[in-house]
Amino acid sequence: MQSTSPLSDISNAPVSSSSAHLLQRLLSRPEFGPFVLLVVEIIVFSALAGAFLSAGNISNLLAFTPELGMIALGMTMLMTSGEFDLSVGSVFGFAPVIMWTVYNAGIASLEVGFLAAILIAVVIGFANGWFVTRLKIPSFLVTLGMLLVVRGSALYITDGFPQRTWTADVPLMKLIVGEIVIGQIKIYASLLWFILFALILGYVLTQSKLGNWILASGGNAGSARARGVRVSRTKITLFILTAVMAAYAGITSSIRVSAANPNSGTGYELEVIAMVVIGGTVLNGGRGTIIGTVLGVLILRMMRNGIVLVGVPGLAYNIFIGAIILAMMALHSWLERRHHAGT
């Protein structure tokens, strides 16, 4: 008669339970779905388009990704607090117009123009936050109005024409968008800034007191106020952060492409929100993830690049975005139900 050792049963049970618990925690993470989708994208596009992982294509991907990514980082923090900003695309176009107008008109140096553009972004963000928190107007309406004001101002200042950017050669430009060559891959300094911003904001959201305030403000603003959280001040700060990130991204883009177009950034607000939502941040606040947003940025940038390489018309891009959003929302909902059910 064969007997089993009780010791083996005892030793195996905790390992099995621990593995199941670890798997459950992994599946419940909001970044899990975006990570899987990103891996699938890379595999599919690599198989269908041999040039997808070429040095030249990777360089192209890394050139534009940080610009939308910077806006998405600020939007993640804001959406986690329960608000969002539709004016980021117009600020993206307006900030470089201010900087280059100041410089080209001989009013001041490019560095002063840069500071002027950032300060104006601070004012725009503060105005958005003040209208939302003090006058209790929904952020959708406030930022939609600000979108029109800022875009109209950019068009009025420039008469609708792009500003010259190629006459300047100052250290500021190289600091923001200097070229770095690693092997056959060319990257811009903007990628390094994007990574730095992601690390800082990721730490703030997950490891700091401000991060707790942001999560509490988005989860239940009334309870947060009762516990001493300065909800209004937190949200105003995040509106300012989002506007400044959009302004910096627009300035970065203007240096990279040698053009400050008042119409640049049109439609970016919706694409950025899509990136954030796909990454796992909840639209009505209370939960946000910087890692997920970085994955969401990469997913949509690779999607735009990949469908062109495989021969799909670029005009079909929005179809794919919509399908991905719906699929990721369904996945996030399913994972969250499983997590709450404890299965």
Protein backbone atom coordinates (compact mmCIF):
# COMPACT_ATOMS: atom_id res chain seq x y z
CA MET A 1 0.00 0.00 0.00
CA GLN A 2 1.45 3.29 -1.10
CA SER A 3 1.27 6.15 1.38
CA THR A 4 1.64 9.86 0.80
CA SER A 5 3.64 12.07 3.05
CA PRO A 6 1.70 14.79 4.89
CA LEU A 7 4.79 16.95 4.63
CA SER A 8 4.59 16.96 0.83
CA ASP A 9 0.96 18.05 0.94
CA ILE A 10 1.78 20.84 3.36
CA SER A 11 4.71 22.06 1.27
CA ASN A 12 2.81 21.99 -2.02
CA ALA A 13 -0.35 23.72 -0.82
CA PRO A 14 1.19 27.10 0.03
CA VAL A 15 3.15 27.17 -3.23
CA SER A 16 0.03 26.46 -5.27
CA SER A 17 -2.00 28.99 -3.30
CA SER A 18 0.75 31.58 -3.58
CA SER A 19 1.04 31.09 -7.35
CA ALA A 20 -2.72 31.40 -7.80
CA HIS A 21 -2.77 34.55 -5.69
CA LEU A 22 0.12 36.04 -7.67
CA LEU A 23 -1.63 35.25 -10.96
CA GLN A 24 -4.86 36.79 -9.68
CA ARG A 25 -3.02 39.97 -8.67
CA LEU A 26 -1.32 40.12 -12.07
CA LEU A 27 -4.61 39.74 -13.93
CA SER A 28 -6.25 42.42 -11.81
CA ARG A 29 -3.59 45.00 -12.60
CA PRO A 30 -4.89 47.69 -15.02
CA GLU A 31 -1.60 47.49 -16.95
CA PHE A 32 -2.00 43.79 -17.73
CA GLY A 33 -4.38 44.19 -20.67
CA PRO A 34 -2.40 46.99 -22.37
CA PHE A 35 0.84 45.03 -21.95
CA VAL A 36 -0.64 41.95 -23.62
CA LEU A 37 -2.07 44.07 -26.45
CA LEU A 38 1.28 45.77 -27.00
CA VAL A 39 3.08 42.41 -27.24
CA VAL A 40 0.45 41.11 -29.69
CA GLU A 41 0.83 44.27 -31.79
CA ILE A 42 4.59 43.88 -31.99
CA ILE A 43 4.29 40.21 -32.99
CA VAL A 44 1.60 40.81 -35.62
CA PHE A 45 3.18 43.83 -37.28
CA SER A 46 6.63 42.24 -37.21
CA ALA A 47 5.22 39.22 -39.04
CA LEU A 48 3.24 41.26 -41.59
CA ALA A 49 5.82 44.01 -42.22
CA GLY A 50 9.50 43.15 -42.18
CA ALA A 51 10.47 46.81 -41.83
CA PHE A 52 8.48 47.26 -38.62
CA LEU A 53 11.44 46.51 -36.34
CA SER A 54 14.03 48.13 -38.58
CA ALA A 55 16.29 50.81 -37.13
CA GLY A 56 14.76 53.49 -39.36
CA ASN A 57 11.20 52.67 -38.37
CA ILE A 58 12.03 52.48 -34.68
CA SER A 59 13.66 55.92 -34.98
CA ASN A 60 10.50 57.29 -36.57
CA LEU A 61 8.35 55.80 -33.81
CA LEU A 62 10.52 57.23 -31.05
CA ALA A 63 10.59 60.70 -32.65
CA PHE A 64 6.89 61.53 -32.36
CA THR A 65 5.84 59.29 -29.46
CA PRO A 66 7.22 61.51 -26.63
CA GLU A 67 5.23 64.54 -27.75
CA LEU A 68 1.80 62.98 -27.41
CA GLY A 69 3.15 60.97 -24.50
CA MET A 70 3.96 64.07 -22.45
CA ILE A 71 0.40 65.34 -22.83
CA ALA A 72 -0.91 61.90 -21.91
CA LEU A 73 1.12 61.88 -18.68
CA GLY A 74 -0.45 65.15 -17.54
CA MET A 75 -3.89 63.96 -18.63
CA THR A 76 -3.46 60.78 -16.58
CA MET A 77 -2.92 62.76 -13.41
CA LEU A 78 -5.90 65.00 -14.18
CA MET A 79 -8.26 62.16 -15.12
CA THR A 80 -7.30 60.27 -11.97
CA SER A 81 -8.66 63.25 -10.03
CA GLY A 82 -11.96 62.97 -11.91
CA GLU A 83 -11.48 65.74 -14.50
CA PHE A 84 -10.18 66.00 -18.06
CA ASP A 85 -8.99 68.71 -20.42
CA LEU A 86 -10.13 69.16 -24.02
CA SER A 87 -7.94 72.25 -24.53
CA VAL A 88 -4.58 70.41 -24.57
CA GLY A 89 -4.47 70.19 -28.37
CA SER A 90 -4.96 73.92 -28.76
CA VAL A 91 -2.35 74.67 -26.07
CA PHE A 92 0.00 72.34 -27.97
CA GLY A 93 -0.34 74.62 -31.00
CA PHE A 94 -0.53 77.93 -29.14
CA ALA A 95 2.59 77.69 -26.94
CA PRO A 96 5.13 77.43 -29.78
CA VAL A 97 3.34 80.26 -31.61
CA ILE A 98 3.93 82.49 -28.60
CA MET A 99 7.56 81.45 -28.23
CA TRP A 100 8.50 81.93 -31.87
CA THR A 101 6.49 85.14 -32.26
CA VAL A 102 8.41 86.67 -29.36
CA TYR A 103 11.69 85.56 -30.90
CA ASN A 104 10.97 86.37 -34.56
CA ALA A 105 9.61 89.83 -33.72
CA GLY A 106 12.84 90.65 -31.89
CA ILE A 107 10.99 91.23 -28.62
CA ALA A 108 13.23 88.94 -26.59
CA SER A 109 15.49 85.92 -26.77
CA LEU A 110 14.22 82.43 -27.47
CA GLU A 111 14.70 81.49 -23.82
CA VAL A 112 12.46 84.38 -22.73
CA GLY A 113 9.92 83.35 -25.37
CA PHE A 114 10.00 79.82 -23.95
CA LEU A 115 9.31 81.10 -20.44
CA ALA A 116 6.51 83.33 -21.75
CA ALA A 117 4.86 80.35 -23.45
CA ILE A 118 5.08 78.23 -20.30
CA LEU A 119 3.70 81.05 -18.13
CA ILE A 120 0.76 81.50 -20.48
CA ALA A 121 0.12 77.75 -20.23
CA VAL A 122 0.11 78.14 -16.43
CA VAL A 123 -2.53 80.88 -16.75
CA ILE A 124 -4.64 78.71 -19.08
CA GLY A 125 -4.44 75.76 -16.72
CA PHE A 126 -5.27 77.92 -13.70
CA ALA A 127 -8.27 79.40 -15.52
CA ASN A 128 -9.55 75.92 -16.39
CA GLY A 129 -9.15 74.76 -12.80
CA TRP A 130 -10.72 77.90 -11.33
CA PHE A 131 -13.82 77.66 -13.52
CA VAL A 132 -14.22 73.98 -12.68
CA THR A 133 -13.61 74.13 -8.92
CA ARG A 134 -14.91 77.58 -7.99
CA LEU A 135 -17.80 78.03 -10.40
CA LYS A 136 -18.66 74.30 -10.45
CA ILE A 137 -18.83 74.15 -14.25
CA PRO A 138 -18.14 70.67 -15.71
CA SER A 139 -14.61 70.34 -17.06
CA PHE A 140 -16.02 69.21 -20.42
CA LEU A 141 -17.68 72.60 -20.98
CA VAL A 142 -14.89 74.70 -19.49
CA THR A 143 -12.09 73.12 -21.49
CA LEU A 144 -14.18 73.01 -24.67
CA GLY A 145 -14.60 76.77 -24.38
CA MET A 146 -10.91 77.19 -23.62
CA LEU A 147 -10.06 75.10 -26.68
CA LEU A 148 -11.88 77.60 -28.89
CA VAL A 149 -10.38 80.64 -27.16
CA VAL A 150 -6.80 79.37 -27.34
CA ARG A 151 -7.04 78.05 -30.90
CA GLY A 152 -8.66 81.28 -32.04
CA SER A 153 -5.92 83.31 -30.36
CA ALA A 154 -3.22 81.31 -32.14
CA LEU A 155 -4.89 81.85 -35.51
CA TYR A 156 -5.42 85.57 -34.84
CA ILE A 157 -1.80 86.18 -33.81
CA THR A 158 -0.38 84.41 -36.87
CA ASP A 159 -3.12 85.23 -39.41
CA GLY A 160 -3.27 81.47 -39.86
CA PHE A 161 0.33 81.15 -41.11
CA PRO A 162 3.10 79.04 -39.49
CA GLN A 163 5.88 80.88 -37.68
CA ARG A 164 9.54 80.65 -38.77
CA THR A 165 11.63 78.42 -36.50
CA TRP A 166 14.67 77.52 -38.56
CA THR A 167 16.64 80.75 -38.06
CA ALA A 168 17.46 80.00 -34.43
CA ASP A 169 20.38 77.91 -33.27
CA VAL A 170 20.58 78.18 -29.50
CA PRO A 171 21.46 75.69 -26.72
CA LEU A 172 17.80 75.59 -25.61
CA MET A 173 16.80 73.84 -28.84
CA LYS A 174 19.47 71.16 -28.45
CA LEU A 175 18.53 70.67 -24.81
CA ILE A 176 14.89 70.04 -25.71
CA VAL A 177 15.29 68.13 -28.98
CA GLY A 178 18.95 67.29 -29.40
CA GLU A 179 19.71 64.26 -31.57
CA ILE A 180 21.37 61.19 -30.05
CA VAL A 181 22.54 58.31 -32.25
CA ILE A 182 22.77 54.84 -30.70
CA GLY A 183 24.02 52.39 -33.32
CA GLN A 184 21.66 52.81 -36.26
CA ILE A 185 18.84 54.23 -34.15
CA LYS A 186 18.41 57.99 -33.89
CA ILE A 187 16.54 59.33 -30.90
CA TYR A 188 15.78 62.84 -29.71
CA ALA A 189 16.38 64.28 -26.25
CA SER A 190 12.60 64.58 -26.00
CA LEU A 191 12.44 60.82 -25.43
CA LEU A 192 14.70 61.19 -22.40
CA TRP A 193 12.55 64.02 -21.08
CA PHE A 194 9.44 61.87 -21.58
CA ILE A 195 11.01 59.03 -19.58
CA LEU A 196 12.06 61.45 -16.83
CA PHE A 197 8.58 62.98 -16.61
CA ALA A 198 7.02 59.50 -16.51
CA LEU A 199 9.29 58.44 -13.64
CA ILE A 200 8.60 61.61 -11.65
CA LEU A 201 4.82 61.55 -12.13
CA GLY A 202 4.69 57.80 -11.52
CA TYR A 203 6.41 58.35 -8.19
CA VAL A 204 4.12 61.26 -7.30
CA LEU A 205 0.96 59.27 -8.10
CA THR A 206 1.94 56.10 -6.24
CA GLN A 207 4.37 57.11 -3.51
CA SER A 208 3.51 60.63 -2.37
CA LYS A 209 0.93 62.43 -0.26
CA LEU A 210 -0.15 64.40 -3.33
CA GLY A 211 -0.79 61.11 -5.11
CA ASN A 212 -3.11 60.03 -2.31
CA TRP A 213 -4.93 63.36 -2.60
CA ILE A 214 -5.32 62.89 -6.35
CA LEU A 215 -6.76 59.38 -5.95
CA ALA A 216 -9.06 60.51 -3.14
CA SER A 217 -10.28 63.53 -5.14
CA GLY A 218 -11.24 61.31 -8.05
CA GLY A 219 -12.67 58.49 -5.97
CA ASN A 220 -14.97 60.50 -3.72
CA ALA A 221 -14.41 64.24 -3.53
CA GLY A 222 -16.88 64.75 -0.67
CA SER A 223 -15.25 62.15 1.57
CA ALA A 224 -11.82 63.48 0.60
CA ARG A 225 -12.76 67.00 1.74
CA ALA A 226 -14.12 65.61 5.00
CA ARG A 227 -10.73 63.99 5.61
CA GLY A 228 -8.87 67.24 5.04
CA VAL A 229 -7.87 66.80 1.39
CA ARG A 230 -7.61 70.11 -0.47
CA VAL A 231 -9.58 68.89 -3.46
CA SER A 232 -9.94 72.23 -5.26
CA ARG A 233 -6.26 73.11 -4.89
CA THR A 234 -5.26 69.64 -6.05
CA LYS A 235 -7.40 69.83 -9.17
CA ILE A 236 -6.22 73.34 -10.06
CA THR A 237 -2.63 72.15 -9.73
CA LEU A 238 -3.35 69.25 -12.07
CA PHE A 239 -5.03 71.49 -14.67
CA ILE A 240 -1.90 73.66 -14.61
CA LEU A 241 0.34 70.59 -14.92
CA THR A 242 -1.64 69.30 -17.90
CA ALA A 243 -1.50 72.65 -19.70
CA VAL A 244 2.25 73.02 -19.06
CA MET A 245 2.91 69.49 -20.36
CA ALA A 246 0.89 70.25 -23.50
CA ALA A 247 2.79 73.52 -24.01
CA TYR A 248 6.17 71.85 -23.57
CA ALA A 249 5.16 69.07 -25.98
CA GLY A 250 4.09 71.65 -28.57
CA ILE A 251 7.37 73.54 -28.25
CA THR A 252 9.23 70.24 -28.62
CA SER A 253 7.30 69.43 -31.79
CA SER A 254 7.90 72.89 -33.30
CA ILE A 255 11.67 72.51 -32.86
CA ARG A 256 11.69 68.98 -34.26
CA VAL A 257 9.67 69.76 -37.41
CA SER A 258 10.90 73.37 -37.83
CA ALA A 259 7.40 74.80 -37.88
CA ALA A 260 5.06 76.46 -35.38
CA ASN A 261 1.67 75.92 -36.98
CA PRO A 262 -1.31 77.47 -35.15
CA ASN A 263 -3.42 74.50 -36.26
CA SER A 264 -1.04 71.87 -34.91
CA GLY A 265 -2.46 69.63 -32.21
CA THR A 266 -5.94 69.57 -33.71
CA GLY A 267 -7.66 66.40 -32.50
CA TYR A 268 -4.87 65.51 -30.08
CA GLU A 269 -7.15 65.90 -27.07
CA LEU A 270 -9.27 62.89 -28.03
CA GLU A 271 -6.29 60.78 -29.05
CA VAL A 272 -4.56 61.52 -25.75
CA ILE A 273 -7.68 60.63 -23.76
CA ALA A 274 -7.84 57.38 -25.74
CA MET A 275 -4.23 56.59 -24.81
CA VAL A 276 -4.92 57.21 -21.14
CA VAL A 277 -8.13 55.17 -21.09
CA ILE A 278 -6.56 52.28 -23.00
CA GLY A 279 -3.74 52.31 -20.45
CA GLY A 280 -6.18 51.59 -17.64
CA THR A 281 -6.97 54.98 -16.08
CA VAL A 282 -10.63 55.28 -15.16
CA LEU A 283 -12.45 58.05 -17.02
CA ASN A 284 -14.47 59.20 -14.00
CA GLY A 285 -11.48 59.21 -11.65
CA GLY A 286 -10.25 57.32 -8.64
CA ARG A 287 -7.72 55.10 -10.39
CA GLY A 288 -4.81 55.97 -12.64
CA THR A 289 -1.60 54.42 -13.85
CA ILE A 290 1.39 56.13 -15.44
CA ILE A 291 2.84 52.78 -16.56
CA GLY A 292 -0.44 51.96 -18.27
CA THR A 293 -0.47 55.33 -20.00
CA VAL A 294 3.04 54.76 -21.38
CA LEU A 295 1.79 51.41 -22.72
CA GLY A 296 -1.30 53.12 -24.17
CA VAL A 297 0.86 55.71 -25.94
CA LEU A 298 3.02 52.98 -27.46
CA ILE A 299 -0.05 50.96 -28.49
CA LEU A 300 -1.63 53.76 -30.50
CA ARG A 301 1.63 55.04 -31.97
CA MET A 302 2.56 51.53 -33.11
CA MET A 303 -0.94 51.04 -34.44
CA ARG A 304 -0.73 54.18 -36.59
CA ASN A 305 2.71 53.18 -37.84
CA GLY A 306 1.96 49.50 -38.33
CA ILE A 307 -1.25 49.78 -40.33
CA VAL A 308 0.51 52.05 -42.81
CA LEU A 309 3.40 49.60 -43.19
CA VAL A 310 1.08 46.66 -43.86
CA GLY A 311 -0.82 48.64 -46.50
CA VAL A 312 -4.00 49.58 -44.64
CA PRO A 313 -5.17 53.11 -45.62
CA GLY A 314 -4.21 55.65 -42.99
CA LEU A 315 -7.78 56.98 -43.01
CA ALA A 316 -8.83 53.72 -41.35
CA TYR A 317 -6.78 54.55 -38.25
CA ASN A 318 -9.78 55.85 -36.29
CA ILE A 319 -11.58 52.56 -36.88
CA PHE A 320 -8.77 50.72 -35.14
CA ILE A 321 -8.64 53.26 -32.30
CA GLY A 322 -12.36 52.88 -31.67
CA ALA A 323 -12.14 49.10 -31.76
CA ILE A 324 -9.19 49.07 -29.35
CA ILE A 325 -10.95 51.41 -26.92
CA LEU A 326 -14.09 49.25 -26.87
CA ALA A 327 -12.07 46.05 -26.49
CA MET A 328 -9.88 47.45 -23.70
CA MET A 329 -12.88 48.85 -21.82
CA ALA A 330 -14.56 45.45 -21.99
CA LEU A 331 -11.36 43.77 -20.78
CA HIS A 332 -10.86 46.25 -17.91
CA SER A 333 -14.49 45.77 -16.86
CA TRP A 334 -14.17 41.98 -16.91
CA LEU A 335 -10.91 41.98 -14.94
CA GLU A 336 -12.34 44.38 -12.37
CA ARG A 337 -15.44 42.21 -11.89
CA ARG A 338 -13.23 39.15 -11.38
CA HIS A 339 -11.09 41.05 -8.92
CA HIS A 340 -14.06 42.21 -6.83
CA ALA A 341 -15.63 38.75 -6.98
CA GLY A 342 -12.37 37.24 -5.70
CA THR A 343 -12.21 34.62 -8.47
